[in-house]
Amino acid sequence: MNDLKKWKILKSKMVLDHLWCQVRQDEIELPNGKIIDDYFVSIKPDVAMVLPITSNKEIIFVRQYRHAVGEFFLELPAGNFDPTKESAEVAAIRELTEETGYIPQEFRKIGILYDKPSKDTNQIHLFLAENVSKFGEQQLDITEELEVVFISIESVVDKIAQGEISVAGTVAAIFLGLNFLTC
């Protein structure tokens, strides 16, 4: 397996450079010598995601509409951030309080995941927030309309199996986070 080699970038150019969407076109040479001149990469910001758990052993989710798919989804509180301007920890707590109105008593990083490394550049920074409590009201962005939903830890795996919770990052964070619980 040590014979695996990285692809070589021969040329690279931004083909879409918008505030909300950036796409780079690479011309690459594969290890076998084949040239691909139209490999597209989506430049995405990092994401901070929180698995918030109340003292009653409930996980706090947000239900929201996702336009690309045209459906509503149950997800963990999360949001984009720029690591040159704030840490993943600060972004995660900010997103938790903005989206739910809750703050954690205990908070720790549990991992970093890649969502789609074949085409996307971003990382998902995962945090576990235990003994969260109501702090204030939601402070939503203009594009957000979120419903806060509480699901018991005991029933969350069934909700995943039934397809009620189906966003990949959320599912991964739940399974990873449950291994770190102290409550």
Protein backbone atom coordinates (compact mmCIF):
# COMPACT_ATOMS: atom_id res chain seq x y z
CA MET A 1 0.00 0.00 0.00
CA ASN A 2 2.99 2.34 0.27
CA ASP A 3 2.92 2.72 -3.53
CA LEU A 4 -0.05 5.10 -3.42
CA LYS A 5 0.79 8.51 -4.82
CA LYS A 6 -0.89 11.89 -4.67
CA TRP A 7 -2.29 13.50 -7.78
CA LYS A 8 -0.18 16.27 -9.29
CA ILE A 9 -1.83 19.64 -9.93
CA LEU A 10 -0.63 20.99 -13.28
CA LYS A 11 -2.86 24.08 -13.43
CA SER A 12 -5.55 25.54 -11.24
CA LYS A 13 -8.03 28.39 -11.71
CA MET A 14 -11.10 29.73 -9.92
CA VAL A 15 -14.12 29.33 -12.20
CA LEU A 16 -16.66 30.64 -9.69
CA ASP A 17 -15.70 33.07 -6.95
CA HIS A 18 -18.83 34.22 -5.13
CA LEU A 19 -19.36 34.98 -1.45
CA TRP A 20 -21.55 31.87 -1.05
CA CYS A 21 -19.91 29.53 -3.55
CA GLN A 22 -16.35 29.03 -4.80
CA VAL A 23 -15.33 26.44 -7.35
CA ARG A 24 -11.81 25.71 -8.56
CA GLN A 25 -10.99 23.84 -11.78
CA ASP A 26 -7.79 21.80 -11.61
CA GLU A 27 -5.86 20.16 -14.39
CA ILE A 28 -4.33 17.11 -12.75
CA GLU A 29 -1.99 14.31 -13.61
CA LEU A 30 -2.92 10.97 -12.09
CA PRO A 31 -0.17 8.62 -10.83
CA ASN A 32 -0.71 6.49 -13.97
CA GLY A 33 0.14 9.53 -16.17
CA LYS A 34 -3.40 10.24 -17.35
CA ILE A 35 -4.28 13.96 -17.50
CA ILE A 36 -7.69 15.23 -16.38
CA ASP A 37 -8.26 18.86 -17.29
CA ASP A 38 -11.62 19.45 -15.66
CA TYR A 39 -11.51 18.24 -12.04
CA PHE A 40 -13.76 20.61 -10.09
CA VAL A 41 -13.22 21.32 -6.39
CA SER A 42 -15.71 23.14 -4.16
CA ILE A 43 -13.93 25.52 -1.78
CA LYS A 44 -16.03 25.47 1.38
CA PRO A 45 -15.61 27.03 4.81
CA ASP A 46 -15.02 24.86 7.86
CA VAL A 47 -18.03 23.90 9.98
CA ALA A 48 -18.38 23.84 13.77
CA MET A 49 -21.01 21.32 14.94
CA VAL A 50 -22.26 20.69 18.48
CA LEU A 51 -23.87 17.63 20.07
CA PRO A 52 -25.77 19.38 22.90
CA ILE A 53 -27.11 17.23 25.71
CA THR A 54 -29.35 18.45 28.52
CA SER A 55 -29.20 17.28 32.13
CA ASN A 56 -32.39 15.30 31.29
CA LYS A 57 -30.34 13.27 28.77
CA GLU A 58 -31.98 14.81 25.73
CA ILE A 59 -30.16 15.87 22.59
CA ILE A 60 -31.07 19.27 21.20
CA PHE A 61 -31.65 19.34 17.45
CA VAL A 62 -32.78 22.01 15.06
CA ARG A 63 -35.32 21.26 12.35
CA GLN A 64 -34.81 23.35 9.27
CA TYR A 65 -35.57 23.55 5.57
CA ARG A 66 -32.72 22.69 3.20
CA HIS A 67 -33.37 24.23 -0.18
CA ALA A 68 -31.01 22.10 -2.31
CA VAL A 69 -33.03 18.99 -1.44
CA GLY A 70 -36.34 20.79 -0.82
CA GLU A 71 -37.01 19.04 2.50
CA PHE A 72 -36.90 19.64 6.27
CA PHE A 73 -34.16 17.93 8.28
CA LEU A 74 -33.29 17.33 11.93
CA GLU A 75 -29.69 18.42 12.45
CA LEU A 76 -27.32 19.28 15.24
CA PRO A 77 -26.61 23.00 15.70
CA ALA A 78 -23.79 23.96 13.35
CA GLY A 79 -22.43 26.72 11.21
CA ASN A 80 -19.61 27.88 8.99
CA PHE A 81 -16.66 29.78 10.35
CA ASP A 82 -13.38 31.26 9.20
CA PRO A 83 -10.49 29.76 11.22
CA THR A 84 -8.41 32.88 10.58
CA LYS A 85 -10.99 34.97 12.45
CA GLU A 86 -12.24 32.67 15.24
CA SER A 87 -11.49 29.28 16.72
CA ALA A 88 -13.68 26.26 16.08
CA GLU A 89 -14.60 26.26 19.80
CA VAL A 90 -15.80 29.87 19.74
CA ALA A 91 -17.76 29.23 16.53
CA ALA A 92 -19.39 26.10 17.98
CA ILE A 93 -20.58 27.86 21.15
CA ARG A 94 -21.77 30.83 19.07
CA GLU A 95 -23.79 28.56 16.77
CA LEU A 96 -25.28 26.64 19.71
CA THR A 97 -26.46 29.80 21.46
CA GLU A 98 -27.65 31.53 18.27
CA GLU A 99 -29.60 28.55 16.95
CA THR A 100 -31.04 27.20 20.20
CA GLY A 101 -30.67 29.78 22.98
CA TYR A 102 -28.77 27.19 25.08
CA ILE A 103 -25.26 27.25 26.59
CA PRO A 104 -23.12 24.36 27.87
CA GLN A 105 -21.69 23.78 31.33
CA GLU A 106 -19.21 21.23 29.94
CA PHE A 107 -17.73 21.52 26.47
CA ARG A 108 -15.03 19.62 24.59
CA LYS A 109 -13.87 18.80 21.12
CA ILE A 110 -14.50 15.21 20.08
CA GLY A 111 -13.17 15.11 16.54
CA ILE A 112 -12.68 16.46 13.07
CA LEU A 113 -14.37 14.90 10.06
CA TYR A 114 -14.26 15.52 6.32
CA ASP A 115 -17.67 15.70 4.68
CA LYS A 116 -16.80 14.91 1.06
CA PRO A 117 -13.01 15.02 0.54
CA SER A 118 -13.26 13.92 -3.10
CA LYS A 119 -14.75 17.30 -4.07
CA ASP A 120 -14.96 19.58 -0.98
CA THR A 121 -12.14 21.23 0.98
CA ASN A 122 -13.77 21.78 4.37
CA GLN A 123 -13.52 20.09 7.76
CA ILE A 124 -16.32 19.55 10.29
CA HIS A 125 -15.15 20.27 13.85
CA LEU A 126 -17.28 18.27 16.30
CA PHE A 127 -17.96 19.23 19.91
CA LEU A 128 -19.82 17.65 22.80
CA ALA A 129 -21.75 20.07 25.03
CA GLU A 130 -23.12 18.52 28.21
CA ASN A 131 -25.56 19.87 30.76
CA VAL A 132 -26.74 22.59 28.41
CA SER A 133 -29.27 25.02 29.81
CA LYS A 134 -31.51 27.74 28.45
CA PHE A 135 -29.65 31.04 28.25
CA GLY A 136 -31.82 33.23 26.05
CA GLU A 137 -33.73 33.35 22.81
CA GLN A 138 -32.57 32.23 19.38
CA GLN A 139 -30.59 34.82 17.40
CA LEU A 140 -31.14 33.55 13.87
CA ASP A 141 -29.52 34.72 10.64
CA ILE A 142 -31.74 36.12 7.90
CA THR A 143 -31.80 32.77 6.06
CA GLU A 144 -32.58 30.71 9.17
CA GLU A 145 -35.94 29.59 10.44
CA LEU A 146 -35.29 26.84 12.97
CA GLU A 147 -37.42 24.77 15.30
CA VAL A 148 -35.65 23.49 18.43
CA VAL A 149 -36.40 19.78 18.97
CA PHE A 150 -35.48 17.60 21.96
CA ILE A 151 -34.91 13.86 21.46
CA SER A 152 -33.94 11.48 24.24
CA ILE A 153 -30.56 9.79 24.00
CA GLU A 154 -32.33 6.43 24.32
CA SER A 155 -34.43 7.00 21.18
CA VAL A 156 -31.91 8.78 18.94
CA VAL A 157 -30.47 5.62 17.32
CA ASP A 158 -34.00 4.47 16.43
CA LYS A 159 -34.67 7.88 14.84
CA ILE A 160 -31.54 7.42 12.73
CA ALA A 161 -32.55 3.87 11.74
CA GLN A 162 -36.04 5.11 10.78
CA GLY A 163 -34.57 7.87 8.60
CA GLU A 164 -35.89 10.73 10.76
CA ILE A 165 -32.29 11.87 11.31
CA SER A 166 -30.39 11.46 8.05
CA VAL A 167 -27.78 14.21 7.56
CA ALA A 168 -24.36 12.54 7.45
CA GLY A 169 -22.45 14.95 9.69
CA THR A 170 -25.17 14.88 12.32
CA VAL A 171 -25.32 11.07 12.30
CA ALA A 172 -21.52 10.79 12.57
CA ALA A 173 -21.39 13.33 15.40
CA ILE A 174 -24.07 11.45 17.34
CA PHE A 175 -22.33 8.08 17.13
CA LEU A 176 -18.94 9.59 17.93
CA GLY A 177 -20.29 11.81 20.70
CA LEU A 178 -22.19 9.05 22.49
CA ASN A 179 -18.83 7.39 23.17
CA PHE A 180 -17.64 10.49 25.06
CA LEU A 181 -20.63 11.04 27.34
CA THR A 182 -20.03 11.63 31.04
CA CYS A 183 -23.66 12.25 32.06
